[in-house]
Amino acid sequence: KQVQMADIQSQIEQQRVRRAAARDEELAAQREEKRYFQRRPKTSQEKQAAVKQVQMADIQSQIEQQRVRRAAARDEELAAQREEKRYFQRRPKTSQEKQAAVKQ
């Protein structure tokens, strides 16, 4: 029985080693294929796709910059309005404004 168990364990270990080797070979093949596609000349279709991708990134960047500029301008406008409101609340009232307040 011990011999049979040792034999079975040996077979299991051999299978594990073969599977690991096959997995390593597959990963090596995938890496080599990736290197090949990185080194080979690009087709015109791939070049066009790359150019289009860069153009889209530029457009998205421009849109984001516009959004940021508009938000900054909106913030500045709101700050100016708040400051103007504070100014008119603090300044002394004119005689016309005092008369208008009395009439109300």
Protein backbone atom coordinates (compact mmCIF):
# COMPACT_ATOMS: atom_id res chain seq x y z
CA LYS A 1 0.00 0.00 0.00
CA GLN A 2 2.77 2.43 0.81
CA VAL A 3 4.33 1.81 -2.59
CA GLN A 4 0.97 2.47 -4.28
CA MET A 5 0.49 5.70 -2.29
CA ALA A 6 4.02 6.85 -3.16
CA ASP A 7 3.35 6.03 -6.81
CA ILE A 8 0.07 8.00 -6.78
CA GLN A 9 1.75 10.95 -5.07
CA SER A 10 4.52 10.82 -7.64
CA GLN A 11 1.98 10.86 -10.48
CA ILE A 12 0.12 13.79 -8.90
CA GLU A 13 3.40 15.70 -8.51
CA GLN A 14 4.34 14.99 -12.14
CA GLN A 15 0.93 16.26 -13.31
CA ARG A 16 1.36 19.42 -11.23
CA VAL A 17 4.83 20.00 -12.70
CA ARG A 18 3.53 19.44 -16.27
CA ARG A 19 0.62 21.86 -15.70
CA ALA A 20 2.98 24.49 -14.27
CA ALA A 21 5.33 24.06 -17.25
CA ALA A 22 2.41 24.33 -19.69
CA ARG A 23 1.19 27.46 -17.91
CA ASP A 24 4.68 28.98 -18.04
CA GLU A 25 4.93 28.19 -21.77
CA GLU A 26 1.53 29.77 -22.41
CA LEU A 27 2.51 32.94 -20.53
CA ALA A 28 5.83 33.09 -22.40
CA ALA A 29 3.98 32.71 -25.72
CA GLN A 30 1.58 35.52 -24.75
CA ARG A 31 4.48 37.79 -23.82
CA GLU A 32 6.25 37.05 -27.10
CA GLU A 33 3.06 37.71 -29.08
CA LYS A 34 2.60 41.02 -27.25
CA ARG A 35 6.21 42.01 -28.02
CA TYR A 36 5.71 41.12 -31.69
CA PHE A 37 2.60 43.30 -31.99
CA GLN A 38 4.36 46.18 -30.23
CA ARG A 39 7.37 46.00 -32.60
CA ARG A 40 5.63 45.38 -35.90
CA PRO A 41 4.76 48.31 -38.17
CA LYS A 42 1.27 49.66 -37.54
CA THR A 43 -1.36 49.36 -40.27
CA SER A 44 -2.88 52.56 -41.61
CA GLN A 45 -6.10 51.67 -39.82
CA GLU A 46 -4.25 51.35 -36.51
CA LYS A 47 -2.46 54.65 -37.16
CA GLN A 48 -5.78 56.37 -37.87
CA ALA A 49 -7.26 54.90 -34.69
CA ALA A 50 -4.28 56.16 -32.68
CA VAL A 51 -4.58 59.64 -34.20
CA LYS A 52 -8.32 59.67 -33.52
CA GLN A 53 -7.69 58.60 -29.93
CA VAL A 54 -5.23 61.47 -29.44
CA GLN A 55 -7.68 63.92 -31.03
CA MET A 56 -10.48 62.73 -28.74
CA ALA A 57 -8.21 63.15 -25.71
CA ASP A 58 -7.39 66.71 -26.88
CA ILE A 59 -11.08 67.52 -27.30
CA GLN A 60 -11.89 66.12 -23.87
CA SER A 61 -9.05 68.16 -22.39
CA GLN A 62 -10.34 71.33 -24.07
CA ILE A 63 -13.87 70.67 -22.81
CA GLU A 64 -12.57 70.15 -19.29
CA GLN A 65 -10.53 73.38 -19.49
CA GLN A 66 -13.61 75.30 -20.66
CA ARG A 67 -15.65 73.81 -17.82
CA VAL A 68 -13.02 74.84 -15.29
CA ARG A 69 -12.78 78.37 -16.75
CA ARG A 70 -16.58 78.77 -16.70
CA ALA A 71 -16.75 77.52 -13.11
CA ALA A 72 -14.01 79.98 -12.10
CA ALA A 73 -15.79 82.85 -13.87
CA ARG A 74 -19.08 81.88 -12.19
CA ASP A 75 -17.35 81.80 -8.79
CA GLU A 76 -15.80 85.23 -9.44
CA GLU A 77 -19.18 86.65 -10.48
CA LEU A 78 -20.88 85.27 -7.36
CA ALA A 79 -18.09 86.65 -5.16
CA ALA A 80 -18.43 90.07 -6.83
CA GLN A 81 -22.20 90.01 -6.25
CA ARG A 82 -21.73 89.10 -2.58
CA GLU A 83 -19.16 91.86 -2.16
CA GLU A 84 -21.46 94.40 -3.84
CA LYS A 85 -24.35 93.32 -1.60
CA ARG A 86 -22.15 93.70 1.51
CA TYR A 87 -21.04 97.13 0.33
CA PHE A 88 -24.60 98.37 -0.14
CA GLN A 89 -25.63 96.96 3.25
CA ARG A 90 -22.76 98.73 5.05
CA ARG A 91 -22.70 102.10 3.35
CA PRO A 92 -24.71 105.01 4.76
CA LYS A 93 -28.11 105.44 3.15
CA THR A 94 -28.79 108.50 1.00
CA SER A 95 -31.63 110.85 1.95
CA GLN A 96 -33.68 109.48 -0.97
CA GLU A 97 -33.23 105.93 0.31
CA LYS A 98 -34.25 107.04 3.81
CA GLN A 99 -37.41 108.70 2.45
CA ALA A 100 -38.26 105.59 0.41
CA ALA A 101 -37.84 103.41 3.49
CA VAL A 102 -40.16 105.68 5.50
CA LYS A 103 -42.86 105.54 2.79
CA GLN A 104 -42.84 101.73 2.83
